Amino acid sequence: MNEKILIVDDQFGIRILLNEVLQKEGYQTFQAANGIQALEIVDNHSPDLVLLDMKIPGMDGIEILKRMKQKDADIRVIIMTAYGELDMIQEAKDLGALTHFAKPFDIDDIRQAVKQYIPAKR
């Protein structure tokens, strides 16, 4: 299994947690603390799935998602938010996000969603 997952979150602890869990599952992981780093990783590594926080200083999750979709219309994105902002969640889904998780999330739910949404390699 060489599927690549990009974790985009400004909170170091969340990036480390997701990174450790997903690496144990056998995925190759990349981490970004902001939108610029995330878009560079998309350009250079073409991740199979992105876990994207919505509240990131500078470029927010909606803007990052829009730019990712411009680069790759088929990129798969799961959004994470600590806020119950239904309009932001709906906008992200309208832009093509697969699903969302509210923080704090259950790590097993994230693990299951990754398995569900990662594209099957043939």
N, C-alpha and C. Protein backbone atom coordinates (compact mmCIF):
# COMPACT_ATOMS: atom_id res chain seq x y z
N MET A 1 0.86 -1.19 0.00
CA MET A 1 0.00 0.00 0.00
C MET A 1 0.90 1.24 0.00
N ASN A 2 0.74 2.06 -1.02
CA ASN A 2 1.54 3.29 -1.09
C ASN A 2 0.67 4.51 -1.24
N GLU A 3 -0.60 4.41 -0.83
CA GLU A 3 -1.47 5.57 -0.94
C GLU A 3 -0.93 6.71 -0.10
N LYS A 4 -1.04 7.92 -0.66
CA LYS A 4 -0.48 9.11 -0.02
C LYS A 4 -1.61 9.96 0.57
N ILE A 5 -1.42 10.36 1.81
CA ILE A 5 -2.40 11.18 2.50
C ILE A 5 -1.73 12.46 2.97
N LEU A 6 -2.36 13.58 2.67
CA LEU A 6 -1.89 14.89 3.12
C LEU A 6 -2.76 15.33 4.29
N ILE A 7 -2.11 15.68 5.40
CA ILE A 7 -2.78 16.16 6.60
C ILE A 7 -2.52 17.66 6.69
N VAL A 8 -3.59 18.46 6.63
CA VAL A 8 -3.44 19.92 6.67
C VAL A 8 -4.15 20.45 7.91
N ASP A 9 -3.36 20.90 8.88
CA ASP A 9 -3.92 21.43 10.12
C ASP A 9 -2.87 22.32 10.76
N ASP A 10 -3.28 23.47 11.27
CA ASP A 10 -2.32 24.36 11.92
C ASP A 10 -1.98 23.89 13.33
N GLN A 11 -2.71 22.92 13.86
CA GLN A 11 -2.43 22.40 15.20
C GLN A 11 -1.47 21.21 15.11
N PHE A 12 -0.27 21.43 15.63
CA PHE A 12 0.79 20.43 15.56
C PHE A 12 0.35 19.09 16.12
N GLY A 13 -0.30 19.09 17.28
CA GLY A 13 -0.71 17.85 17.93
C GLY A 13 -1.65 17.01 17.07
N ILE A 14 -2.55 17.65 16.38
CA ILE A 14 -3.49 16.92 15.52
C ILE A 14 -2.75 16.32 14.32
N ARG A 15 -1.83 17.11 13.74
CA ARG A 15 -1.04 16.57 12.62
C ARG A 15 -0.26 15.34 13.05
N ILE A 16 0.38 15.42 14.22
CA ILE A 16 1.20 14.30 14.70
C ILE A 16 0.33 13.07 14.98
N LEU A 17 -0.82 13.27 15.63
CA LEU A 17 -1.72 12.16 15.92
C LEU A 17 -2.16 11.47 14.63
N LEU A 18 -2.68 12.25 13.68
CA LEU A 18 -3.15 11.67 12.42
C LEU A 18 -2.00 11.01 11.66
N ASN A 19 -0.85 11.65 11.67
CA ASN A 19 0.32 11.11 10.99
C ASN A 19 0.67 9.73 11.54
N GLU A 20 0.75 9.61 12.87
CA GLU A 20 1.12 8.33 13.49
C GLU A 20 0.08 7.25 13.19
N VAL A 21 -1.19 7.59 13.34
CA VAL A 21 -2.25 6.60 13.12
C VAL A 21 -2.25 6.12 11.67
N LEU A 22 -2.13 7.06 10.73
CA LEU A 22 -2.22 6.69 9.31
C LEU A 22 -0.96 5.97 8.83
N GLN A 23 0.19 6.33 9.38
CA GLN A 23 1.40 5.59 9.01
C GLN A 23 1.31 4.15 9.50
N LYS A 24 0.75 3.93 10.69
CA LYS A 24 0.58 2.57 11.22
C LYS A 24 -0.35 1.76 10.32
N GLU A 25 -1.27 2.46 9.65
CA GLU A 25 -2.19 1.77 8.73
C GLU A 25 -1.51 1.48 7.39
N GLY A 26 -0.30 2.00 7.21
CA GLY A 26 0.46 1.69 5.99
C GLY A 26 0.44 2.78 4.94
N TYR A 27 -0.10 3.93 5.26
CA TYR A 27 -0.15 5.02 4.29
C TYR A 27 1.12 5.86 4.34
N GLN A 28 1.48 6.45 3.21
CA GLN A 28 2.55 7.45 3.18
C GLN A 28 1.89 8.78 3.50
N THR A 29 2.43 9.50 4.47
CA THR A 29 1.77 10.73 4.91
C THR A 29 2.65 11.96 4.67
N PHE A 30 1.96 13.06 4.46
CA PHE A 30 2.60 14.37 4.35
C PHE A 30 1.84 15.31 5.28
N GLN A 31 2.55 16.30 5.81
CA GLN A 31 1.91 17.25 6.73
C GLN A 31 2.12 18.67 6.24
N ALA A 32 1.09 19.48 6.42
CA ALA A 32 1.19 20.90 6.11
C ALA A 32 0.51 21.69 7.22
N ALA A 33 1.15 22.78 7.65
CA ALA A 33 0.60 23.62 8.70
C ALA A 33 -0.19 24.79 8.13
N ASN A 34 -0.10 25.00 6.81
CA ASN A 34 -0.81 26.12 6.20
C ASN A 34 -1.11 25.82 4.73
N GLY A 35 -1.84 26.74 4.11
CA GLY A 35 -2.28 26.53 2.74
C GLY A 35 -1.16 26.47 1.73
N ILE A 36 -0.15 27.32 1.91
CA ILE A 36 0.96 27.34 0.95
C ILE A 36 1.69 26.01 0.95
N GLN A 37 1.99 25.49 2.15
CA GLN A 37 2.64 24.17 2.24
C GLN A 37 1.75 23.09 1.62
N ALA A 38 0.46 23.15 1.91
CA ALA A 38 -0.47 22.14 1.40
C ALA A 38 -0.49 22.12 -0.13
N LEU A 39 -0.56 23.29 -0.74
CA LEU A 39 -0.62 23.36 -2.20
C LEU A 39 0.69 22.90 -2.84
N GLU A 40 1.83 23.18 -2.19
CA GLU A 40 3.12 22.69 -2.69
C GLU A 40 3.15 21.16 -2.66
N ILE A 41 2.64 20.57 -1.59
CA ILE A 41 2.62 19.11 -1.48
C ILE A 41 1.69 18.51 -2.54
N VAL A 42 0.55 19.15 -2.78
CA VAL A 42 -0.36 18.68 -3.85
C VAL A 42 0.38 18.70 -5.19
N ASP A 43 1.09 19.80 -5.46
CA ASP A 43 1.84 19.91 -6.72
C ASP A 43 2.92 18.84 -6.84
N ASN A 44 3.66 18.62 -5.76
CA ASN A 44 4.85 17.76 -5.82
C ASN A 44 4.58 16.28 -5.58
N HIS A 45 3.49 15.94 -4.88
CA HIS A 45 3.30 14.54 -4.47
C HIS A 45 1.94 13.95 -4.86
N SER A 46 1.01 14.74 -5.37
CA SER A 46 -0.31 14.25 -5.79
C SER A 46 -0.92 13.27 -4.79
N PRO A 47 -1.28 13.77 -3.60
CA PRO A 47 -1.84 12.85 -2.59
C PRO A 47 -3.15 12.23 -3.06
N ASP A 48 -3.39 11.01 -2.58
CA ASP A 48 -4.63 10.30 -2.92
C ASP A 48 -5.81 10.81 -2.10
N LEU A 49 -5.52 11.38 -0.93
CA LEU A 49 -6.56 11.87 -0.04
C LEU A 49 -5.99 13.00 0.81
N VAL A 50 -6.82 14.00 1.09
CA VAL A 50 -6.41 15.13 1.93
C VAL A 50 -7.35 15.23 3.12
N LEU A 51 -6.77 15.34 4.31
CA LEU A 51 -7.53 15.65 5.52
C LEU A 51 -7.27 17.13 5.79
N LEU A 52 -8.30 17.95 5.65
CA LEU A 52 -8.13 19.41 5.62
C LEU A 52 -8.92 20.08 6.74
N ASP A 53 -8.20 20.78 7.60
CA ASP A 53 -8.84 21.59 8.64
C ASP A 53 -9.41 22.85 7.98
N MET A 54 -10.56 23.29 8.46
CA MET A 54 -11.20 24.47 7.88
C MET A 54 -10.68 25.78 8.44
N LYS A 55 -10.26 25.78 9.69
CA LYS A 55 -9.83 27.03 10.34
C LYS A 55 -8.31 27.06 10.42
N ILE A 56 -7.70 27.64 9.41
CA ILE A 56 -6.26 27.77 9.36
C ILE A 56 -5.93 29.24 9.16
N PRO A 57 -5.05 29.82 9.97
CA PRO A 57 -4.70 31.23 9.79
C PRO A 57 -4.14 31.49 8.40
N GLY A 58 -4.43 32.66 7.88
CA GLY A 58 -3.95 33.01 6.54
C GLY A 58 -4.97 32.58 5.51
N MET A 59 -4.70 31.47 4.85
CA MET A 59 -5.60 30.92 3.84
C MET A 59 -6.49 29.89 4.52
N ASP A 60 -7.79 30.14 4.58
CA ASP A 60 -8.67 29.20 5.29
C ASP A 60 -8.94 27.95 4.45
N GLY A 61 -9.60 26.99 5.07
CA GLY A 61 -9.82 25.71 4.43
C GLY A 61 -10.62 25.79 3.14
N ILE A 62 -11.59 26.69 3.07
CA ILE A 62 -12.38 26.84 1.84
C ILE A 62 -11.48 27.30 0.70
N GLU A 63 -10.63 28.27 0.95
CA GLU A 63 -9.72 28.77 -0.09
C GLU A 63 -8.72 27.68 -0.50
N ILE A 64 -8.20 26.95 0.48
CA ILE A 64 -7.27 25.85 0.16
C ILE A 64 -7.99 24.81 -0.71
N LEU A 65 -9.21 24.45 -0.32
CA LEU A 65 -9.98 23.46 -1.07
C LEU A 65 -10.22 23.94 -2.51
N LYS A 66 -10.60 25.20 -2.68
CA LYS A 66 -10.82 25.74 -4.03
C LYS A 66 -9.55 25.61 -4.88
N ARG A 67 -8.42 25.98 -4.29
CA ARG A 67 -7.16 25.95 -5.05
C ARG A 67 -6.73 24.51 -5.36
N MET A 68 -6.98 23.59 -4.42
CA MET A 68 -6.65 22.19 -4.68
C MET A 68 -7.49 21.66 -5.84
N LYS A 69 -8.77 22.00 -5.84
CA LYS A 69 -9.67 21.54 -6.90
C LYS A 69 -9.30 22.14 -8.25
N GLN A 70 -8.74 23.37 -8.25
CA GLN A 70 -8.26 23.97 -9.50
C GLN A 70 -7.08 23.17 -10.06
N LYS A 71 -6.22 22.70 -9.18
CA LYS A 71 -5.05 21.92 -9.58
C LYS A 71 -5.44 20.52 -10.01
N ASP A 72 -6.39 19.93 -9.29
CA ASP A 72 -6.80 18.55 -9.55
C ASP A 72 -8.28 18.42 -9.18
N ALA A 73 -9.13 18.45 -10.19
CA ALA A 73 -10.58 18.42 -9.95
C ALA A 73 -11.03 17.15 -9.24
N ASP A 74 -10.23 16.08 -9.35
CA ASP A 74 -10.61 14.79 -8.77
C ASP A 74 -10.01 14.54 -7.39
N ILE A 75 -9.27 15.52 -6.86
CA ILE A 75 -8.63 15.31 -5.56
C ILE A 75 -9.70 15.03 -4.50
N ARG A 76 -9.42 14.07 -3.64
CA ARG A 76 -10.37 13.65 -2.61
C ARG A 76 -10.01 14.35 -1.30
N VAL A 77 -11.00 15.02 -0.70
CA VAL A 77 -10.76 15.82 0.49
C VAL A 77 -11.81 15.52 1.55
N ILE A 78 -11.34 15.28 2.76
CA ILE A 78 -12.20 15.16 3.94
C ILE A 78 -11.89 16.39 4.80
N ILE A 79 -12.93 17.10 5.21
CA ILE A 79 -12.69 18.31 6.00
C ILE A 79 -12.88 18.03 7.49
N MET A 80 -12.16 18.84 8.28
CA MET A 80 -12.24 18.76 9.74
C MET A 80 -12.48 20.17 10.25
N THR A 81 -13.34 20.30 11.23
CA THR A 81 -13.57 21.62 11.81
C THR A 81 -13.90 21.51 13.29
N ALA A 82 -13.42 22.46 14.04
CA ALA A 82 -13.73 22.52 15.47
C ALA A 82 -14.97 23.38 15.71
N TYR A 83 -15.50 23.89 14.63
CA TYR A 83 -16.60 24.83 14.73
C TYR A 83 -17.84 24.23 14.09
N GLY A 84 -18.99 24.51 14.66
CA GLY A 84 -20.23 24.00 14.10
C GLY A 84 -20.78 24.93 13.03
N GLU A 85 -19.91 25.39 12.16
CA GLU A 85 -20.32 26.32 11.12
C GLU A 85 -20.88 25.55 9.94
N LEU A 86 -22.19 25.39 9.95
CA LEU A 86 -22.84 24.58 8.93
C LEU A 86 -22.68 25.17 7.54
N ASP A 87 -22.65 26.52 7.43
CA ASP A 87 -22.51 27.12 6.11
C ASP A 87 -21.14 26.80 5.52
N MET A 88 -20.09 26.80 6.33
CA MET A 88 -18.76 26.47 5.84
C MET A 88 -18.68 24.99 5.44
N ILE A 89 -19.28 24.13 6.25
CA ILE A 89 -19.30 22.70 5.92
C ILE A 89 -20.04 22.49 4.61
N GLN A 90 -21.20 23.15 4.45
CA GLN A 90 -21.98 23.00 3.23
C GLN A 90 -21.21 23.53 2.02
N GLU A 91 -20.54 24.68 2.17
CA GLU A 91 -19.76 25.22 1.06
C GLU A 91 -18.64 24.26 0.66
N ALA A 92 -17.98 23.67 1.64
CA ALA A 92 -16.92 22.71 1.35
C ALA A 92 -17.47 21.50 0.61
N LYS A 93 -18.63 21.03 1.03
CA LYS A 93 -19.23 19.89 0.33
C LYS A 93 -19.66 20.28 -1.09
N ASP A 94 -20.16 21.50 -1.24
CA ASP A 94 -20.52 21.98 -2.59
C ASP A 94 -19.29 22.04 -3.49
N LEU A 95 -18.13 22.30 -2.89
CA LEU A 95 -16.87 22.36 -3.64
C LEU A 95 -16.28 20.97 -3.88
N GLY A 96 -16.89 19.95 -3.30
CA GLY A 96 -16.44 18.60 -3.59
C GLY A 96 -15.86 17.83 -2.42
N ALA A 97 -15.89 18.38 -1.20
CA ALA A 97 -15.42 17.62 -0.05
C ALA A 97 -16.29 16.38 0.12
N LEU A 98 -15.68 15.28 0.50
CA LEU A 98 -16.38 14.00 0.60
C LEU A 98 -17.26 13.91 1.84
N THR A 99 -16.71 14.35 2.96
CA THR A 99 -17.42 14.29 4.24
C THR A 99 -16.71 15.23 5.19
N HIS A 100 -17.23 15.34 6.41
CA HIS A 100 -16.58 16.20 7.40
C HIS A 100 -16.59 15.54 8.77
N PHE A 101 -15.64 15.97 9.59
CA PHE A 101 -15.56 15.54 10.98
C PHE A 101 -15.47 16.76 11.85
N ALA A 102 -16.21 16.75 12.94
CA ALA A 102 -16.12 17.82 13.94
C ALA A 102 -15.06 17.43 14.96
N LYS A 103 -14.24 18.40 15.33
CA LYS A 103 -13.25 18.17 16.38
C LYS A 103 -13.92 18.42 17.73
N PRO A 104 -13.59 17.66 18.75
CA PRO A 104 -12.66 16.52 18.70
C PRO A 104 -13.33 15.32 18.03
N PHE A 105 -12.60 14.66 17.17
CA PHE A 105 -13.14 13.51 16.44
C PHE A 105 -12.66 12.21 17.07
N ASP A 106 -13.37 11.15 16.74
CA ASP A 106 -12.96 9.81 17.16
C ASP A 106 -11.97 9.30 16.11
N ILE A 107 -10.77 8.97 16.53
CA ILE A 107 -9.72 8.58 15.58
C ILE A 107 -10.14 7.34 14.78
N ASP A 108 -10.93 6.46 15.36
CA ASP A 108 -11.40 5.29 14.62
C ASP A 108 -12.34 5.69 13.49
N ASP A 109 -13.13 6.74 13.71
CA ASP A 109 -14.00 7.23 12.64
C ASP A 109 -13.18 7.78 11.47
N ILE A 110 -12.11 8.50 11.79
CA ILE A 110 -11.22 9.02 10.74
C ILE A 110 -10.57 7.86 9.99
N ARG A 111 -10.07 6.89 10.74
CA ARG A 111 -9.42 5.72 10.12
C ARG A 111 -10.37 5.03 9.15
N GLN A 112 -11.62 4.85 9.57
CA GLN A 112 -12.62 4.19 8.73
C GLN A 112 -12.94 5.02 7.48
N ALA A 113 -13.06 6.34 7.65
CA ALA A 113 -13.35 7.22 6.52
C ALA A 113 -12.21 7.19 5.50
N VAL A 114 -10.98 7.16 5.98
CA VAL A 114 -9.84 7.09 5.08
C VAL A 114 -9.91 5.82 4.25
N LYS A 115 -10.18 4.70 4.90
CA LYS A 115 -10.31 3.43 4.18
C LYS A 115 -11.43 3.49 3.15
N GLN A 116 -12.52 4.14 3.55
CA GLN A 116 -13.69 4.23 2.66
C GLN A 116 -13.41 5.11 1.44
N TYR A 117 -12.72 6.20 1.63
CA TYR A 117 -12.61 7.21 0.57
C TYR A 117 -11.32 7.19 -0.21
N ILE A 118 -10.32 6.45 0.24
CA ILE A 118 -9.07 6.42 -0.51
C ILE A 118 -9.33 5.66 -1.81
N PRO A 119 -8.89 6.20 -2.92
CA PRO A 119 -9.18 5.50 -4.19
C PRO A 119 -8.42 4.18 -4.27
N ALA A 120 -9.09 3.19 -4.77
CA ALA A 120 -8.47 1.87 -4.92
C ALA A 120 -7.46 1.91 -6.05
N LYS A 121 -6.27 1.41 -5.78
CA LYS A 121 -5.24 1.31 -6.82
C LYS A 121 -5.45 0.00 -7.57
N ARG A 122 -5.28 0.07 -8.85
CA ARG A 122 -5.46 -1.15 -9.67
C ARG A 122 -4.13 -1.63 -10.19
